Amino acid sequence: MNERLLPWTGSEDKPCYLIGDGDGYVSRVADQVEGVQLGMAGSLLDHTAELLSGEGLTKEELHYLVRRLIESLREIKRIAESRGARLAGATAERPIVET
């Protein structure tokens, strides 16, 4: 059994974890959510580059853009932490074989 940090939070913005083998319905939903979040992050980066290459942004536009970048970075950080923990767990479960 493995523990997985899910790409969403629970009540009071606390982390949600899934205990299981990683093959169930919730794992598949989490994979889909992560895929959407990664895709949206890429789109946001492209949009940001486009906005910054044009005429000056208003203070309000810049504030809105920075808030979205913060949200996206927070999501990507959670995905990286989740995947890193699963990789570390998979490595720990494998027997060490010296050649």
PDB file of N, CA and C in Angstrom:
ATOM      1  N   MET A   1       0.840  -1.184   0.000  1.00  0.00           N
ATOM      2  CA  MET A   1       0.000   0.000   0.000  1.00  0.00           C
ATOM      3  C   MET A   1       0.884   1.246   0.000  1.00  0.00           C
ATOM      4  N   ASN A   2       0.470   2.217  -0.777  1.00  0.00           N
ATOM      5  CA  ASN A   2       1.204   3.467  -0.888  1.00  0.00           C
ATOM      6  C   ASN A   2       0.317   4.631  -0.479  1.00  0.00           C
ATOM      7  N   GLU A   3       0.944   5.715  -0.117  1.00  0.00           N
ATOM      8  CA  GLU A   3       0.243   6.950   0.212  1.00  0.00           C
ATOM      9  C   GLU A   3       0.514   7.942  -0.911  1.00  0.00           C
ATOM     10  N   ARG A   4      -0.543   8.586  -1.397  1.00  0.00           N
ATOM     11  CA  ARG A   4      -0.400   9.548  -2.488  1.00  0.00           C
ATOM     12  C   ARG A   4      -1.020  10.879  -2.084  1.00  0.00           C
ATOM     13  N   LEU A   5      -0.244  11.945  -2.243  1.00  0.00           N
ATOM     14  CA  LEU A   5      -0.767  13.291  -2.058  1.00  0.00           C
ATOM     15  C   LEU A   5      -1.619  13.616  -3.280  1.00  0.00           C
ATOM     16  N   LEU A   6      -2.877  13.945  -3.051  1.00  0.00           N
ATOM     17  CA  LEU A   6      -3.794  14.217  -4.156  1.00  0.00           C
ATOM     18  C   LEU A   6      -3.674  15.668  -4.619  1.00  0.00           C
ATOM     19  N   PRO A   7      -4.046  15.939  -5.875  1.00  0.00           N
ATOM     20  CA  PRO A   7      -3.868  17.289  -6.422  1.00  0.00           C
ATOM     21  C   PRO A   7      -4.961  18.276  -6.020  1.00  0.00           C
ATOM     22  N   TRP A   8      -5.657  18.010  -4.942  1.00  0.00           N
ATOM     23  CA  TRP A   8      -6.656  18.931  -4.417  1.00  0.00           C
ATOM     24  C   TRP A   8      -6.559  18.911  -2.901  1.00  0.00           C
ATOM     25  N   THR A   9      -7.153  19.907  -2.282  1.00  0.00           N
ATOM     26  CA  THR A   9      -7.118  19.992  -0.825  1.00  0.00           C
ATOM     27  C   THR A   9      -8.501  19.681  -0.266  1.00  0.00           C
ATOM     28  N   GLY A  10      -8.518  19.389   1.016  1.00  0.00           N
ATOM     29  CA  GLY A  10      -9.765  19.106   1.708  1.00  0.00           C
ATOM     30  C   GLY A  10     -10.264  20.333   2.434  1.00  0.00           C
ATOM     31  N   SER A  11     -11.076  20.076   3.444  1.00  0.00           N
ATOM     32  CA  SER A  11     -11.620  21.183   4.221  1.00  0.00           C
ATOM     33  C   SER A  11     -10.485  21.942   4.895  1.00  0.00           C
ATOM     34  N   GLU A  12     -10.692  23.223   5.030  1.00  0.00           N
ATOM     35  CA  GLU A  12      -9.710  24.113   5.640  1.00  0.00           C
ATOM     36  C   GLU A  12      -8.384  24.085   4.895  1.00  0.00           C
ATOM     37  N   ASP A  13      -8.427  23.782   3.600  1.00  0.00           N
ATOM     38  CA  ASP A  13      -7.251  23.789   2.725  1.00  0.00           C
ATOM     39  C   ASP A  13      -6.161  22.814   3.176  1.00  0.00           C
ATOM     40  N   LYS A  14      -6.567  21.726   3.826  1.00  0.00           N
ATOM     41  CA  LYS A  14      -5.611  20.713   4.290  1.00  0.00           C
ATOM     42  C   LYS A  14      -5.353  19.700   3.178  1.00  0.00           C
ATOM     43  N   PRO A  15      -4.147  19.111   3.152  1.00  0.00           N
ATOM     44  CA  PRO A  15      -3.828  18.140   2.104  1.00  0.00           C
ATOM     45  C   PRO A  15      -4.712  16.901   2.188  1.00  0.00           C
ATOM     46  N   CYS A  16      -4.985  16.316   1.031  1.00  0.00           N
ATOM     47  CA  CYS A  16      -5.728  15.052   0.943  1.00  0.00           C
ATOM     48  C   CYS A  16      -4.764  13.964   0.494  1.00  0.00           C
ATOM     49  N   TYR A  17      -4.871  12.817   1.117  1.00  0.00           N
ATOM     50  CA  TYR A  17      -4.023  11.679   0.762  1.00  0.00           C
ATOM     51  C   TYR A  17      -4.900  10.490   0.412  1.00  0.00           C
ATOM     52  N   LEU A  18      -4.378   9.655  -0.462  1.00  0.00           N
ATOM     53  CA  LEU A  18      -5.041   8.419  -0.856  1.00  0.00           C
ATOM     54  C   LEU A  18      -4.134   7.267  -0.465  1.00  0.00           C
ATOM     55  N   ILE A  19      -4.699   6.294   0.220  1.00  0.00           N
ATOM     56  CA  ILE A  19      -3.963   5.090   0.576  1.00  0.00           C
ATOM     57  C   ILE A  19      -4.445   3.981  -0.354  1.00  0.00           C
ATOM     58  N   GLY A  20      -3.521   3.343  -1.042  1.00  0.00           N
ATOM     59  CA  GLY A  20      -3.918   2.266  -1.945  1.00  0.00           C
ATOM     60  C   GLY A  20      -2.787   1.858  -2.858  1.00  0.00           C
ATOM     61  N   ASP A  21      -3.150   1.066  -3.858  1.00  0.00           N
ATOM     62  CA  ASP A  21      -2.141   0.538  -4.771  1.00  0.00           C
ATOM     63  C   ASP A  21      -1.925   1.426  -5.991  1.00  0.00           C
ATOM     64  N   GLY A  22      -2.707   2.486  -6.140  1.00  0.00           N
ATOM     65  CA  GLY A  22      -2.525   3.411  -7.248  1.00  0.00           C
ATOM     66  C   GLY A  22      -3.252   3.034  -8.518  1.00  0.00           C
ATOM     67  N   ASP A  23      -4.102   2.007  -8.459  1.00  0.00           N
ATOM     68  CA  ASP A  23      -4.807   1.548  -9.653  1.00  0.00           C
ATOM     69  C   ASP A  23      -6.307   1.809  -9.619  1.00  0.00           C
ATOM     70  N   GLY A  24      -6.798   2.442  -8.578  1.00  0.00           N
ATOM     71  CA  GLY A  24      -8.237   2.607  -8.418  1.00  0.00           C
ATOM     72  C   GLY A  24      -8.799   3.840  -9.101  1.00  0.00           C
ATOM     73  N   TYR A  25     -10.092   4.004  -8.921  1.00  0.00           N
ATOM     74  CA  TYR A  25     -10.830   5.101  -9.540  1.00  0.00           C
ATOM     75  C   TYR A  25     -10.286   6.468  -9.112  1.00  0.00           C
ATOM     76  N   VAL A  26     -10.073   6.667  -7.815  1.00  0.00           N
ATOM     77  CA  VAL A  26      -9.606   7.968  -7.326  1.00  0.00           C
ATOM     78  C   VAL A  26      -8.213   8.268  -7.873  1.00  0.00           C
ATOM     79  N   SER A  27      -7.371   7.261  -7.997  1.00  0.00           N
ATOM     80  CA  SER A  27      -6.042   7.468  -8.590  1.00  0.00           C
ATOM     81  C   SER A  27      -6.155   7.934 -10.037  1.00  0.00           C
ATOM     82  N   ARG A  28      -7.080   7.339 -10.778  1.00  0.00           N
ATOM     83  CA  ARG A  28      -7.265   7.740 -12.180  1.00  0.00           C
ATOM     84  C   ARG A  28      -7.809   9.164 -12.274  1.00  0.00           C
ATOM     85  N   VAL A  29      -8.733   9.519 -11.381  1.00  0.00           N
ATOM     86  CA  VAL A  29      -9.248  10.892 -11.360  1.00  0.00           C
ATOM     87  C   VAL A  29      -8.118  11.857 -11.018  1.00  0.00           C
ATOM     88  N   ALA A  30      -7.298  11.506 -10.034  1.00  0.00           N
ATOM     89  CA  ALA A  30      -6.169  12.357  -9.652  1.00  0.00           C
ATOM     90  C   ALA A  30      -5.206  12.533 -10.826  1.00  0.00           C
ATOM     91  N   ASP A  31      -4.940  11.462 -11.568  1.00  0.00           N
ATOM     92  CA  ASP A  31      -4.074  11.560 -12.748  1.00  0.00           C
ATOM     93  C   ASP A  31      -4.662  12.530 -13.771  1.00  0.00           C
ATOM     94  N   GLN A  32      -5.977  12.450 -13.978  1.00  0.00           N
ATOM     95  CA  GLN A  32      -6.638  13.352 -14.931  1.00  0.00           C
ATOM     96  C   GLN A  32      -6.569  14.800 -14.456  1.00  0.00           C
ATOM     97  N   VAL A  33      -6.800  15.023 -13.170  1.00  0.00           N
ATOM     98  CA  VAL A  33      -6.740  16.378 -12.617  1.00  0.00           C
ATOM     99  C   VAL A  33      -5.326  16.931 -12.774  1.00  0.00           C
ATOM    100  N   GLU A  34      -4.316  16.122 -12.470  1.00  0.00           N
ATOM    101  CA  GLU A  34      -2.929  16.566 -12.642  1.00  0.00           C
ATOM    102  C   GLU A  34      -2.654  16.916 -14.098  1.00  0.00           C
ATOM    103  N   GLY A  35      -3.159  16.118 -15.018  1.00  0.00           N
ATOM    104  CA  GLY A  35      -2.970  16.402 -16.439  1.00  0.00           C
ATOM    105  C   GLY A  35      -3.579  17.734 -16.840  1.00  0.00           C
ATOM    106  N   VAL A  36      -4.781  18.003 -16.344  1.00  0.00           N
ATOM    107  CA  VAL A  36      -5.441  19.278 -16.623  1.00  0.00           C
ATOM    108  C   VAL A  36      -4.637  20.425 -16.019  1.00  0.00           C
ATOM    109  N   GLN A  37      -4.180  20.261 -14.778  1.00  0.00           N
ATOM    110  CA  GLN A  37      -3.418  21.318 -14.116  1.00  0.00           C
ATOM    111  C   GLN A  37      -2.117  21.607 -14.859  1.00  0.00           C
ATOM    112  N   LEU A  38      -1.432  20.572 -15.313  1.00  0.00           N
ATOM    113  CA  LEU A  38      -0.192  20.770 -16.067  1.00  0.00           C
ATOM    114  C   LEU A  38      -0.470  21.467 -17.397  1.00  0.00           C
ATOM    115  N   GLY A  39      -1.535  21.074 -18.068  1.00  0.00           N
ATOM    116  CA  GLY A  39      -1.901  21.722 -19.325  1.00  0.00           C
ATOM    117  C   GLY A  39      -2.254  23.186 -19.136  1.00  0.00           C
ATOM    118  N   MET A  40      -3.002  23.470 -18.077  1.00  0.00           N
ATOM    119  CA  MET A  40      -3.375  24.854 -17.793  1.00  0.00           C
ATOM    120  C   MET A  40      -2.153  25.691 -17.435  1.00  0.00           C
ATOM    121  N   ALA A  41      -1.196  25.093 -16.740  1.00  0.00           N
ATOM    122  CA  ALA A  41       0.032  25.814 -16.397  1.00  0.00           C
ATOM    123  C   ALA A  41       0.789  26.193 -17.664  1.00  0.00           C
ATOM    124  N   GLY A  42       0.865  25.274 -18.611  1.00  0.00           N
ATOM    125  CA  GLY A  42       1.526  25.573 -19.882  1.00  0.00           C
ATOM    126  C   GLY A  42       0.829  26.694 -20.628  1.00  0.00           C
ATOM    127  N   SER A  43      -0.487  26.653 -20.659  1.00  0.00           N
ATOM    128  CA  SER A  43      -1.260  27.711 -21.323  1.00  0.00           C
ATOM    129  C   SER A  43      -1.058  29.051 -20.627  1.00  0.00           C
ATOM    130  N   LEU A  44      -1.021  29.026 -19.297  1.00  0.00           N
ATOM    131  CA  LEU A  44      -0.817  30.255 -18.536  1.00  0.00           C
ATOM    132  C   LEU A  44       0.560  30.846 -18.813  1.00  0.00           C
ATOM    133  N   LEU A  45       1.572  30.002 -18.914  1.00  0.00           N
ATOM    134  CA  LEU A  45       2.913  30.495 -19.243  1.00  0.00           C
ATOM    135  C   LEU A  45       2.928  31.159 -20.617  1.00  0.00           C
ATOM    136  N   ASP A  46       2.303  30.517 -21.591  1.00  0.00           N
ATOM    137  CA  ASP A  46       2.234  31.096 -22.937  1.00  0.00           C
ATOM    138  C   ASP A  46       1.499  32.431 -22.916  1.00  0.00           C
ATOM    139  N   HIS A  47       0.387  32.482 -22.207  1.00  0.00           N
ATOM    140  CA  HIS A  47      -0.411  33.707 -22.113  1.00  0.00           C
ATOM    141  C   HIS A  47       0.380  34.813 -21.415  1.00  0.00           C
ATOM    142  N   THR A  48       1.100  34.455 -20.373  1.00  0.00           N
ATOM    143  CA  THR A  48       1.909  35.431 -19.644  1.00  0.00           C
ATOM    144  C   THR A  48       2.987  36.018 -20.545  1.00  0.00           C
ATOM    145  N   ALA A  49       3.681  35.157 -21.282  1.00  0.00           N
ATOM    146  CA  ALA A  49       4.726  35.632 -22.193  1.00  0.00           C
ATOM    147  C   ALA A  49       4.138  36.576 -23.237  1.00  0.00           C
ATOM    148  N   GLU A  50       2.970  36.230 -23.746  1.00  0.00           N
ATOM    149  CA  GLU A  50       2.304  37.069 -24.746  1.00  0.00           C
ATOM    150  C   GLU A  50       1.931  38.429 -24.157  1.00  0.00           C
ATOM    151  N   LEU A  51       1.358  38.424 -22.962  1.00  0.00           N
ATOM    152  CA  LEU A  51       0.965  39.684 -22.321  1.00  0.00           C
ATOM    153  C   LEU A  51       2.171  40.568 -22.028  1.00  0.00           C
ATOM    154  N   LEU A  52       3.248  39.963 -21.571  1.00  0.00           N
ATOM    155  CA  LEU A  52       4.425  40.745 -21.198  1.00  0.00           C
ATOM    156  C   LEU A  52       5.196  41.261 -22.405  1.00  0.00           C
ATOM    157  N   SER A  53       4.990  40.664 -23.561  1.00  0.00           N
ATOM    158  CA  SER A  53       5.690  41.135 -24.757  1.00  0.00           C
ATOM    159  C   SER A  53       4.948  42.287 -25.432  1.00  0.00           C
ATOM    160  N   GLY A  54       3.727  42.550 -24.993  1.00  0.00           N
ATOM    161  CA  GLY A  54       2.918  43.607 -25.599  1.00  0.00           C
ATOM    162  C   GLY A  54       3.058  44.922 -24.855  1.00  0.00           C
ATOM    163  N   GLU A  55       2.055  45.752 -25.041  1.00  0.00           N
ATOM    164  CA  GLU A  55       2.011  47.046 -24.356  1.00  0.00           C
ATOM    165  C   GLU A  55       1.911  46.831 -22.850  1.00  0.00           C
ATOM    166  N   GLY A  56       2.188  47.866 -22.101  1.00  0.00           N
ATOM    167  CA  GLY A  56       2.173  47.783 -20.651  1.00  0.00           C
ATOM    168  C   GLY A  56       0.839  47.312 -20.089  1.00  0.00           C
ATOM    169  N   LEU A  57       0.917  46.522 -19.051  1.00  0.00           N
ATOM    170  CA  LEU A  57      -0.271  46.036 -18.361  1.00  0.00           C
ATOM    171  C   LEU A  57      -0.691  47.044 -17.303  1.00  0.00           C
ATOM    172  N   THR A  58      -1.981  47.086 -17.030  1.00  0.00           N
ATOM    173  CA  THR A  58      -2.441  47.913 -15.923  1.00  0.00           C
ATOM    174  C   THR A  58      -2.069  47.210 -14.616  1.00  0.00           C
ATOM    175  N   LYS A  59      -2.115  47.937 -13.546  1.00  0.00           N
ATOM    176  CA  LYS A  59      -1.823  47.365 -12.238  1.00  0.00           C
ATOM    177  C   LYS A  59      -2.789  46.219 -11.933  1.00  0.00           C
ATOM    178  N   GLU A  60      -4.041  46.392 -12.268  1.00  0.00           N
ATOM    179  CA  GLU A  60      -5.052  45.372 -12.008  1.00  0.00           C
ATOM    180  C   GLU A  60      -4.791  44.112 -12.832  1.00  0.00           C
ATOM    181  N   GLU A  61      -4.431  44.292 -14.103  1.00  0.00           N
ATOM    182  CA  GLU A  61      -4.135  43.140 -14.964  1.00  0.00           C
ATOM    183  C   GLU A  61      -2.914  42.375 -14.458  1.00  0.00           C
ATOM    184  N   LEU A  62      -1.899  43.114 -14.067  1.00  0.00           N
ATOM    185  CA  LEU A  62      -0.688  42.482 -13.548  1.00  0.00           C
ATOM    186  C   LEU A  62      -0.984  41.733 -12.250  1.00  0.00           C
ATOM    187  N   HIS A  63      -1.775  42.329 -11.384  1.00  0.00           N
ATOM    188  CA  HIS A  63      -2.151  41.692 -10.125  1.00  0.00           C
ATOM    189  C   HIS A  63      -2.904  40.391 -10.400  1.00  0.00           C
ATOM    190  N   TYR A  64      -3.860  40.432 -11.313  1.00  0.00           N
ATOM    191  CA  TYR A  64      -4.628  39.238 -11.671  1.00  0.00           C
ATOM    192  C   TYR A  64      -3.708  38.158 -12.228  1.00  0.00           C
ATOM    193  N   LEU A  65      -2.798  38.546 -13.107  1.00  0.00           N
ATOM    194  CA  LEU A  65      -1.861  37.602 -13.714  1.00  0.00           C
ATOM    195  C   LEU A  65      -0.972  36.946 -12.660  1.00  0.00           C
ATOM    196  N   VAL A  66      -0.454  37.724 -11.744  1.00  0.00           N
ATOM    197  CA  VAL A  66       0.413  37.181 -10.695  1.00  0.00           C
ATOM    198  C   VAL A  66      -0.366  36.224  -9.796  1.00  0.00           C
ATOM    199  N   ARG A  67      -1.608  36.541  -9.483  1.00  0.00           N
ATOM    200  CA  ARG A  67      -2.427  35.637  -8.656  1.00  0.00           C
ATOM    201  C   ARG A  67      -2.621  34.292  -9.354  1.00  0.00           C
ATOM    202  N   ARG A  68      -2.886  34.313 -10.659  1.00  0.00           N
ATOM    203  CA  ARG A  68      -3.061  33.060 -11.410  1.00  0.00           C
ATOM    204  C   ARG A  68      -1.752  32.280 -11.470  1.00  0.00           C
ATOM    205  N   LEU A  69      -0.631  32.984 -11.625  1.00  0.00           N
ATOM    206  CA  LEU A  69       0.670  32.310 -11.636  1.00  0.00           C
ATOM    207  C   LEU A  69       0.955  31.651 -10.289  1.00  0.00           C
ATOM    208  N   ILE A  70       0.604  32.318  -9.207  1.00  0.00           N
ATOM    209  CA  ILE A  70       0.787  31.747  -7.868  1.00  0.00           C
ATOM    210  C   ILE A  70      -0.058  30.488  -7.713  1.00  0.00           C
ATOM    211  N   GLU A  71      -1.318  30.549  -8.131  1.00  0.00           N
ATOM    212  CA  GLU A  71      -2.187  29.370  -8.051  1.00  0.00           C
ATOM    213  C   GLU A  71      -1.602  28.205  -8.841  1.00  0.00           C
ATOM    214  N   SER A  72      -1.158  28.498 -10.042  1.00  0.00           N
ATOM    215  CA  SER A  72      -0.615  27.455 -10.908  1.00  0.00           C
ATOM    216  C   SER A  72       0.666  26.871 -10.326  1.00  0.00           C
ATOM    217  N   LEU A  73       1.540  27.716  -9.832  1.00  0.00           N
ATOM    218  CA  LEU A  73       2.791  27.235  -9.245  1.00  0.00           C
ATOM    219  C   LEU A  73       2.517  26.371  -8.017  1.00  0.00           C
ATOM    220  N   ARG A  74       1.528  26.737  -7.225  1.00  0.00           N
ATOM    221  CA  ARG A  74       1.150  25.941  -6.050  1.00  0.00           C
ATOM    222  C   ARG A  74       0.676  24.545  -6.486  1.00  0.00           C
ATOM    223  N   GLU A  75      -0.123  24.489  -7.551  1.00  0.00           N
ATOM    224  CA  GLU A  75      -0.603  23.199  -8.059  1.00  0.00           C
ATOM    225  C   GLU A  75       0.547  22.349  -8.590  1.00  0.00           C
ATOM    226  N   ILE A  76       1.446  22.963  -9.340  1.00  0.00           N
ATOM    227  CA  ILE A  76       2.574  22.231  -9.921  1.00  0.00           C
ATOM    228  C   ILE A  76       3.508  21.739  -8.819  1.00  0.00           C
ATOM    229  N   LYS A  77       3.697  22.534  -7.782  1.00  0.00           N
ATOM    230  CA  LYS A  77       4.530  22.119  -6.651  1.00  0.00           C
ATOM    231  C   LYS A  77       3.917  20.894  -5.970  1.00  0.00           C
ATOM    232  N   ARG A  78       2.600  20.889  -5.804  1.00  0.00           N
ATOM    233  CA  ARG A  78       1.914  19.746  -5.188  1.00  0.00           C
ATOM    234  C   ARG A  78       2.095  18.495  -6.052  1.00  0.00           C
ATOM    235  N   ILE A  79       1.973  18.638  -7.364  1.00  0.00           N
ATOM    236  CA  ILE A  79       2.171  17.502  -8.269  1.00  0.00           C
ATOM    237  C   ILE A  79       3.597  16.974  -8.142  1.00  0.00           C
ATOM    238  N   ALA A  80       4.571  17.875  -8.121  1.00  0.00           N
ATOM    239  CA  ALA A  80       5.976  17.460  -8.001  1.00  0.00           C
ATOM    240  C   ALA A  80       6.228  16.746  -6.677  1.00  0.00           C
ATOM    241  N   GLU A  81       5.675  17.264  -5.595  1.00  0.00           N
ATOM    242  CA  GLU A  81       5.843  16.616  -4.291  1.00  0.00           C
ATOM    243  C   GLU A  81       5.211  15.228  -4.291  1.00  0.00           C
ATOM    244  N   SER A  82       4.025  15.117  -4.866  1.00  0.00           N
ATOM    245  CA  SER A  82       3.325  13.839  -4.915  1.00  0.00           C
ATOM    246  C   SER A  82       4.107  12.820  -5.732  1.00  0.00           C
ATOM    247  N   ARG A  83       4.542  13.228  -6.901  1.00  0.00           N
ATOM    248  CA  ARG A  83       5.276  12.302  -7.768  1.00  0.00           C
ATOM    249  C   ARG A  83       6.640  11.961  -7.189  1.00  0.00           C
ATOM    250  N   GLY A  84       7.292  12.931  -6.579  1.00  0.00           N
ATOM    251  CA  GLY A  84       8.584  12.659  -5.948  1.00  0.00           C
ATOM    252  C   GLY A  84       8.465  11.657  -4.816  1.00  0.00           C
ATOM    253  N   ALA A  85       7.419  11.796  -4.015  1.00  0.00           N
ATOM    254  CA  ALA A  85       7.205  10.857  -2.905  1.00  0.00           C
ATOM    255  C   ALA A  85       6.925   9.458  -3.432  1.00  0.00           C
ATOM    256  N   ARG A  86       6.147   9.368  -4.512  1.00  0.00           N
ATOM    257  CA  ARG A  86       5.854   8.050  -5.080  1.00  0.00           C
ATOM    258  C   ARG A  86       7.101   7.425  -5.692  1.00  0.00           C
ATOM    259  N   LEU A  87       7.946   8.227  -6.322  1.00  0.00           N
ATOM    260  CA  LEU A  87       9.196   7.696  -6.876  1.00  0.00           C
ATOM    261  C   LEU A  87      10.111   7.203  -5.766  1.00  0.00           C
ATOM    262  N   ALA A  88      10.197   7.971  -4.690  1.00  0.00           N
ATOM    263  CA  ALA A  88      11.039   7.565  -3.563  1.00  0.00           C
ATOM    264  C   ALA A  88      10.517   6.273  -2.956  1.00  0.00           C
ATOM    265  N   GLY A  89       9.199   6.139  -2.858  1.00  0.00           N
ATOM    266  CA  GLY A  89       8.598   4.922  -2.318  1.00  0.00           C
ATOM    267  C   GLY A  89       8.846   3.730  -3.211  1.00  0.00           C
ATOM    268  N   ALA A  90       8.756   3.928  -4.517  1.00  0.00           N
ATOM    269  CA  ALA A  90       8.989   2.837  -5.466  1.00  0.00           C
ATOM    270  C   ALA A  90      10.438   2.384  -5.410  1.00  0.00           C
ATOM    271  N   THR A  91      11.344   3.324  -5.258  1.00  0.00           N
ATOM    272  CA  THR A  91      12.763   2.991  -5.162  1.00  0.00           C
ATOM    273  C   THR A  91      13.044   2.226  -3.881  1.00  0.00           C
ATOM    274  N   ALA A  92      12.398   2.633  -2.784  1.00  0.00           N
ATOM    275  CA  ALA A  92      12.620   1.971  -1.498  1.00  0.00           C
ATOM    276  C   ALA A  92      12.072   0.546  -1.498  1.00  0.00           C
ATOM    277  N   GLU A  93      11.028   0.293  -2.289  1.00  0.00           N
ATOM    278  CA  GLU A  93      10.422  -1.035  -2.324  1.00  0.00           C
ATOM    279  C   GLU A  93      11.220  -2.023  -3.168  1.00  0.00           C
ATOM    280  N   ARG A  94      12.026  -1.518  -4.097  1.00  0.00           N
ATOM    281  CA  ARG A  94      12.800  -2.406  -4.968  1.00  0.00           C
ATOM    282  C   ARG A  94      14.006  -2.957  -4.219  1.00  0.00           C
ATOM    283  N   PRO A  95      14.303  -4.224  -4.401  1.00  0.00           N
ATOM    284  CA  PRO A  95      15.501  -4.771  -3.762  1.00  0.00           C
ATOM    285  C   PRO A  95      16.754  -4.201  -4.420  1.00  0.00           C
ATOM    286  N   ILE A  96      17.763  -4.023  -3.620  1.00  0.00           N
ATOM    287  CA  ILE A  96      19.039  -3.533  -4.142  1.00  0.00           C
ATOM    288  C   ILE A  96      19.838  -4.729  -4.623  1.00  0.00           C
ATOM    289  N   VAL A  97      20.226  -4.678  -5.873  1.00  0.00           N
ATOM    290  CA  VAL A  97      20.999  -5.766  -6.466  1.00  0.00           C
ATOM    291  C   VAL A  97      22.320  -5.195  -6.943  1.00  0.00           C
ATOM    292  N   GLU A  98      23.386  -5.720  -6.424  1.00  0.00           N
ATOM    293  CA  GLU A  98      24.707  -5.267  -6.860  1.00  0.00           C
ATOM    294  C   GLU A  98      25.167  -6.124  -8.021  1.00  0.00           C
ATOM    295  N   THR A  99      25.753  -5.469  -9.003  1.00  0.00           N
ATOM    296  CA  THR A  99      26.265  -6.222 -10.155  1.00  0.00           C
ATOM    297  C   THR A  99      27.764  -6.182 -10.206  1.00  0.00           C
TER     298      THR A  99
END
